[in-house]
Amino acid sequence: MHYGSGAMRLHLMLLDRDPRVQGLSSRPLELRWRASEGMRTHVPQVMLRLTDGQGVLADCTAVGVLSGRQRALAAVVGEVCAAVGWRYWVLGPVDPVYRRNVTWLAGYRHPRYRAGQQLAATLRESFARRTPLWEGVRRTGDPMVVLPALFHALWAGQLSADLGAPMHERMPVWAQTA
């Protein structure tokens, strides 16, 4: 996946983890329109397809407050999207603790870290209720085997934790209910 900025790279990573997102593409199209100042163009950074079938164009920014020009651009793109039945999102800054935690977990995204069926079932059992991370890991088995599988399960949303707080060995982890 291509990205044009650190903000875009971050949001692509977060969208990859978002269970509402079924598919995504970077820089999918170019919009052109006539404005009072002449011909304008804009290439939205991301196109999403949500699990409910909804299409979304999105742009990513690292700033919390858009400039007047950015707001005007967002208004035009929002109108275009509404006209074709899509949504338009401007994805802004992300909490730094959440960003660090998800970036860490992304290192365990690859399927090689996925647990086999038996270990996955044992992890779900060990974390059936909110359990401190290290307590559940030790209950499950060898930490060298269990920790990568646990981090993959947290990335994939099979296990949950408050990723808005710093990760540590006593942080509560729990299994998602079906």
C-alpha atoms as a PDB file:
ATOM      1  CA  MET A   1       0.000   0.000   0.000  1.00  0.00           C
ATOM      2  CA  HIS A   2       1.377   3.404  -0.945  1.00  0.00           C
ATOM      3  CA  TYR A   3       1.180   6.367   1.377  1.00  0.00           C
ATOM      4  CA  GLY A   4       2.131   9.990   1.002  1.00  0.00           C
ATOM      5  CA  SER A   5       2.633  11.064   4.571  1.00  0.00           C
ATOM      6  CA  GLY A   6       3.207   9.811   8.076  1.00  0.00           C
ATOM      7  CA  ALA A   7      -0.425  10.632   8.882  1.00  0.00           C
ATOM      8  CA  MET A   8      -1.617   8.554   5.936  1.00  0.00           C
ATOM      9  CA  ARG A   9       0.654   5.645   6.876  1.00  0.00           C
ATOM     10  CA  LEU A  10      -0.690   5.727  10.444  1.00  0.00           C
ATOM     11  CA  HIS A  11      -4.309   5.815   9.333  1.00  0.00           C
ATOM     12  CA  LEU A  12      -3.804   2.999   6.822  1.00  0.00           C
ATOM     13  CA  MET A  13      -2.445   0.879   9.674  1.00  0.00           C
ATOM     14  CA  LEU A  14      -5.418   1.773  11.899  1.00  0.00           C
ATOM     15  CA  LEU A  15      -7.929   1.159   9.096  1.00  0.00           C
ATOM     16  CA  ASP A  16      -6.312  -2.227   8.394  1.00  0.00           C
ATOM     17  CA  ARG A  17      -7.127  -3.161  11.989  1.00  0.00           C
ATOM     18  CA  ASP A  18     -10.664  -1.685  11.965  1.00  0.00           C
ATOM     19  CA  PRO A  19     -13.280  -4.483  11.774  1.00  0.00           C
ATOM     20  CA  ARG A  20     -15.685  -2.136   9.936  1.00  0.00           C
ATOM     21  CA  VAL A  21     -13.300  -1.926   6.959  1.00  0.00           C
ATOM     22  CA  GLN A  22     -13.619  -4.624   4.320  1.00  0.00           C
ATOM     23  CA  GLY A  23     -11.241  -3.137   1.761  1.00  0.00           C
ATOM     24  CA  LEU A  24      -9.090  -0.099   1.131  1.00  0.00           C
ATOM     25  CA  SER A  25      -7.132   1.505  -1.642  1.00  0.00           C
ATOM     26  CA  SER A  26      -4.715   4.426  -1.657  1.00  0.00           C
ATOM     27  CA  ARG A  27      -5.076   7.380  -4.027  1.00  0.00           C
ATOM     28  CA  PRO A  28      -8.005   5.768  -5.886  1.00  0.00           C
ATOM     29  CA  LEU A  29      -9.153   8.662  -8.064  1.00  0.00           C
ATOM     30  CA  GLU A  30      -8.650  12.274  -9.011  1.00  0.00           C
ATOM     31  CA  LEU A  31     -11.423  14.842  -8.664  1.00  0.00           C
ATOM     32  CA  ARG A  32     -11.499  17.870 -11.011  1.00  0.00           C
ATOM     33  CA  TRP A  33     -13.872  20.810 -10.836  1.00  0.00           C
ATOM     34  CA  ARG A  34     -14.220  24.410 -11.875  1.00  0.00           C
ATOM     35  CA  ALA A  35     -14.001  26.950  -9.093  1.00  0.00           C
ATOM     36  CA  SER A  36     -14.026  30.757  -9.120  1.00  0.00           C
ATOM     37  CA  GLU A  37     -10.214  30.725  -9.060  1.00  0.00           C
ATOM     38  CA  GLY A  38     -10.007  28.302 -11.996  1.00  0.00           C
ATOM     39  CA  MET A  39      -9.655  24.554 -12.414  1.00  0.00           C
ATOM     40  CA  ARG A  40      -9.106  22.631  -9.167  1.00  0.00           C
ATOM     41  CA  THR A  41      -8.019  19.034  -8.607  1.00  0.00           C
ATOM     42  CA  HIS A  42      -7.732  16.819  -5.560  1.00  0.00           C
ATOM     43  CA  VAL A  43      -6.649  13.211  -5.092  1.00  0.00           C
ATOM     44  CA  PRO A  44      -8.211  11.791  -1.904  1.00  0.00           C
ATOM     45  CA  GLN A  45      -5.712   9.653  -0.022  1.00  0.00           C
ATOM     46  CA  VAL A  46      -7.847   6.600   0.745  1.00  0.00           C
ATOM     47  CA  MET A  47     -10.968   4.820  -0.507  1.00  0.00           C
ATOM     48  CA  LEU A  48     -12.631   2.420   1.915  1.00  0.00           C
ATOM     49  CA  ARG A  49     -15.338  -0.160   1.535  1.00  0.00           C
ATOM     50  CA  LEU A  50     -17.061  -0.780   4.853  1.00  0.00           C
ATOM     51  CA  THR A  51     -18.567  -4.149   5.769  1.00  0.00           C
ATOM     52  CA  ASP A  52     -22.049  -2.630   5.365  1.00  0.00           C
ATOM     53  CA  GLY A  53     -21.185  -1.862   1.709  1.00  0.00           C
ATOM     54  CA  GLN A  54     -20.765   1.882   2.251  1.00  0.00           C
ATOM     55  CA  GLY A  55     -18.032   3.638   0.270  1.00  0.00           C
ATOM     56  CA  VAL A  56     -15.849   6.217   1.999  1.00  0.00           C
ATOM     57  CA  LEU A  57     -13.240   8.601   0.628  1.00  0.00           C
ATOM     58  CA  ALA A  58     -10.815   9.877   3.255  1.00  0.00           C
ATOM     59  CA  ASP A  59      -7.932  12.266   3.662  1.00  0.00           C
ATOM     60  CA  CYS A  60      -5.433  12.069   6.507  1.00  0.00           C
ATOM     61  CA  THR A  61      -3.925  14.931   8.444  1.00  0.00           C
ATOM     62  CA  ALA A  62      -1.652  15.299  11.446  1.00  0.00           C
ATOM     63  CA  VAL A  63      -3.242  18.610  12.491  1.00  0.00           C
ATOM     64  CA  GLY A  64      -6.268  18.964  14.722  1.00  0.00           C
ATOM     65  CA  VAL A  65      -7.681  22.136  13.147  1.00  0.00           C
ATOM     66  CA  LEU A  66      -8.000  22.457   9.390  1.00  0.00           C
ATOM     67  CA  SER A  67      -7.068  25.693   7.657  1.00  0.00           C
ATOM     68  CA  GLY A  68      -9.740  27.652   5.781  1.00  0.00           C
ATOM     69  CA  ARG A  69      -8.519  26.232   2.481  1.00  0.00           C
ATOM     70  CA  GLN A  70      -8.580  22.668   3.852  1.00  0.00           C
ATOM     71  CA  ARG A  71     -12.124  23.181   5.187  1.00  0.00           C
ATOM     72  CA  ALA A  72     -13.252  24.501   1.781  1.00  0.00           C
ATOM     73  CA  LEU A  73     -11.676  21.506   0.045  1.00  0.00           C
ATOM     74  CA  ALA A  74     -13.303  19.100   2.526  1.00  0.00           C
ATOM     75  CA  ALA A  75     -16.683  20.729   1.862  1.00  0.00           C
ATOM     76  CA  VAL A  76     -16.356  20.221  -1.902  1.00  0.00           C
ATOM     77  CA  VAL A  77     -15.179  16.611  -1.559  1.00  0.00           C
ATOM     78  CA  GLY A  78     -17.966  15.969   0.961  1.00  0.00           C
ATOM     79  CA  GLU A  79     -20.559  17.257  -1.520  1.00  0.00           C
ATOM     80  CA  VAL A  80     -19.153  15.086  -4.320  1.00  0.00           C
ATOM     81  CA  CYS A  81     -19.242  12.032  -2.069  1.00  0.00           C
ATOM     82  CA  ALA A  82     -22.797  12.725  -0.917  1.00  0.00           C
ATOM     83  CA  ALA A  83     -23.892  13.068  -4.563  1.00  0.00           C
ATOM     84  CA  VAL A  84     -22.726   9.519  -5.328  1.00  0.00           C
ATOM     85  CA  GLY A  85     -23.847   7.974  -2.013  1.00  0.00           C
ATOM     86  CA  TRP A  86     -20.459   7.833  -0.320  1.00  0.00           C
ATOM     87  CA  ARG A  87     -19.125   9.351   2.888  1.00  0.00           C
ATOM     88  CA  TYR A  88     -16.099  11.588   3.254  1.00  0.00           C
ATOM     89  CA  TRP A  89     -13.850  11.483   6.320  1.00  0.00           C
ATOM     90  CA  VAL A  90     -10.974  13.697   7.325  1.00  0.00           C
ATOM     91  CA  LEU A  91      -8.891  11.503   9.627  1.00  0.00           C
ATOM     92  CA  GLY A  92      -6.994  13.631  12.129  1.00  0.00           C
ATOM     93  CA  PRO A  93      -4.488  13.204  14.932  1.00  0.00           C
ATOM     94  CA  VAL A  94      -4.440   9.980  16.930  1.00  0.00           C
ATOM     95  CA  ASP A  95      -3.813   9.749  20.669  1.00  0.00           C
ATOM     96  CA  PRO A  96      -0.044   9.146  21.042  1.00  0.00           C
ATOM     97  CA  VAL A  97      -0.420   6.278  23.539  1.00  0.00           C
ATOM     98  CA  TYR A  98      -2.960   4.490  21.343  1.00  0.00           C
ATOM     99  CA  ARG A  99      -0.720   5.097  18.302  1.00  0.00           C
ATOM    100  CA  ARG A 100       2.325   3.568  20.042  1.00  0.00           C
ATOM    101  CA  ASN A 101       0.359   0.551  21.252  1.00  0.00           C
ATOM    102  CA  VAL A 102      -1.205  -0.209  17.866  1.00  0.00           C
ATOM    103  CA  THR A 103       2.128   0.357  16.108  1.00  0.00           C
ATOM    104  CA  TRP A 104       3.692  -2.202  18.469  1.00  0.00           C
ATOM    105  CA  LEU A 105       0.902  -4.708  17.849  1.00  0.00           C
ATOM    106  CA  ALA A 106       1.197  -4.188  14.077  1.00  0.00           C
ATOM    107  CA  GLY A 107       4.587  -5.887  14.353  1.00  0.00           C
ATOM    108  CA  TYR A 108       2.608  -9.053  15.160  1.00  0.00           C
ATOM    109  CA  ARG A 109       0.100  -8.659  12.316  1.00  0.00           C
ATOM    110  CA  HIS A 110       1.672 -11.320  10.086  1.00  0.00           C
ATOM    111  CA  PRO A 111      -0.097 -14.706  10.105  1.00  0.00           C
ATOM    112  CA  ARG A 112       3.106 -16.439  11.274  1.00  0.00           C
ATOM    113  CA  TYR A 113       2.247 -15.127  14.757  1.00  0.00           C
ATOM    114  CA  ARG A 114      -1.277 -16.529  14.670  1.00  0.00           C
ATOM    115  CA  ALA A 115      -1.714 -19.292  17.180  1.00  0.00           C
ATOM    116  CA  GLY A 116      -2.727 -22.764  16.174  1.00  0.00           C
ATOM    117  CA  GLN A 117      -6.279 -23.740  17.081  1.00  0.00           C
ATOM    118  CA  GLN A 118      -5.295 -25.291  20.402  1.00  0.00           C
ATOM    119  CA  LEU A 119      -3.226 -22.301  21.586  1.00  0.00           C
ATOM    120  CA  ALA A 120      -5.886 -19.861  20.349  1.00  0.00           C
ATOM    121  CA  ALA A 121      -8.538 -21.742  22.332  1.00  0.00           C
ATOM    122  CA  THR A 122      -6.317 -21.790  25.432  1.00  0.00           C
ATOM    123  CA  LEU A 123      -5.722 -18.027  25.098  1.00  0.00           C
ATOM    124  CA  ARG A 124      -9.482 -17.405  24.874  1.00  0.00           C
ATOM    125  CA  GLU A 125      -9.975 -19.584  27.947  1.00  0.00           C
ATOM    126  CA  SER A 126      -7.145 -17.903  29.908  1.00  0.00           C
ATOM    127  CA  PHE A 127      -8.594 -14.485  29.132  1.00  0.00           C
ATOM    128  CA  ALA A 128     -12.287 -15.388  29.314  1.00  0.00           C
ATOM    129  CA  ARG A 129     -12.577 -12.696  31.997  1.00  0.00           C
ATOM    130  CA  ARG A 130     -10.448  -9.581  32.401  1.00  0.00           C
ATOM    131  CA  THR A 131      -7.097 -10.966  33.455  1.00  0.00           C
ATOM    132  CA  PRO A 132      -3.740  -9.246  33.920  1.00  0.00           C
ATOM    133  CA  LEU A 133      -1.640  -9.917  30.818  1.00  0.00           C
ATOM    134  CA  TRP A 134       1.242 -11.708  32.515  1.00  0.00           C
ATOM    135  CA  GLU A 135      -1.051 -13.834  34.688  1.00  0.00           C
ATOM    136  CA  GLY A 136      -2.942 -15.053  31.589  1.00  0.00           C
ATOM    137  CA  VAL A 137       0.278 -15.661  29.662  1.00  0.00           C
ATOM    138  CA  ARG A 138       1.763 -17.796  32.440  1.00  0.00           C
ATOM    139  CA  ARG A 139      -1.502 -19.700  32.783  1.00  0.00           C
ATOM    140  CA  THR A 140      -1.459 -20.407  29.026  1.00  0.00           C
ATOM    141  CA  GLY A 141       2.091 -21.698  28.618  1.00  0.00           C
ATOM    142  CA  ASP A 142       5.640 -20.763  27.650  1.00  0.00           C
ATOM    143  CA  PRO A 143       5.794 -16.944  27.332  1.00  0.00           C
ATOM    144  CA  MET A 144       8.142 -17.222  24.317  1.00  0.00           C
ATOM    145  CA  VAL A 145       5.349 -19.041  22.471  1.00  0.00           C
ATOM    146  CA  VAL A 146       2.333 -17.359  24.043  1.00  0.00           C
ATOM    147  CA  LEU A 147       3.306 -13.668  23.850  1.00  0.00           C
ATOM    148  CA  PRO A 148       3.549 -13.454  20.033  1.00  0.00           C
ATOM    149  CA  ALA A 149       0.200 -15.256  19.722  1.00  0.00           C
ATOM    150  CA  LEU A 150      -1.329 -12.938  22.351  1.00  0.00           C
ATOM    151  CA  PHE A 151      -0.051  -9.818  20.549  1.00  0.00           C
ATOM    152  CA  HIS A 152      -1.398 -11.154  17.235  1.00  0.00           C
ATOM    153  CA  ALA A 153      -4.772 -11.819  18.867  1.00  0.00           C
ATOM    154  CA  LEU A 154      -4.809  -8.256  20.257  1.00  0.00           C
ATOM    155  CA  TRP A 155      -3.991  -6.898  16.783  1.00  0.00           C
ATOM    156  CA  ALA A 156      -6.687  -9.019  15.148  1.00  0.00           C
ATOM    157  CA  GLY A 157      -9.311  -8.097  17.760  1.00  0.00           C
ATOM    158  CA  GLN A 158      -9.714 -11.654  19.058  1.00  0.00           C
ATOM    159  CA  LEU A 159      -8.510 -10.425  22.438  1.00  0.00           C
ATOM    160  CA  SER A 160      -9.094  -6.925  23.796  1.00  0.00           C
ATOM    161  CA  ALA A 161      -7.313  -4.471  26.055  1.00  0.00           C
ATOM    162  CA  ASP A 162      -7.496  -0.738  26.701  1.00  0.00           C
ATOM    163  CA  LEU A 163      -5.011   0.419  24.074  1.00  0.00           C
ATOM    164  CA  GLY A 164      -5.500   4.021  25.143  1.00  0.00           C
ATOM    165  CA  ALA A 165      -3.405   3.284  28.238  1.00  0.00           C
ATOM    166  CA  PRO A 166       0.263   2.248  28.224  1.00  0.00           C
ATOM    167  CA  MET A 167       0.737  -1.486  27.751  1.00  0.00           C
ATOM    168  CA  HIS A 168       2.330  -3.338  30.651  1.00  0.00           C
ATOM    169  CA  GLU A 169       2.367  -6.784  32.230  1.00  0.00           C
ATOM    170  CA  ARG A 170      -0.549  -6.015  34.579  1.00  0.00           C
ATOM    171  CA  MET A 171      -2.868  -4.521  31.945  1.00  0.00           C
ATOM    172  CA  PRO A 172      -6.227  -6.309  31.782  1.00  0.00           C
ATOM    173  CA  VAL A 173      -6.795  -8.424  28.667  1.00  0.00           C
ATOM    174  CA  TRP A 174     -10.033 -10.218  27.817  1.00  0.00           C
ATOM    175  CA  ALA A 175     -11.483 -12.373  25.069  1.00  0.00           C
ATOM    176  CA  GLN A 176     -14.006 -10.942  22.646  1.00  0.00           C
ATOM    177  CA  THR A 177     -17.440 -12.437  23.048  1.00  0.00           C
ATOM    178  CA  ALA A 178     -19.070 -13.798  19.904  1.00  0.00           C
END
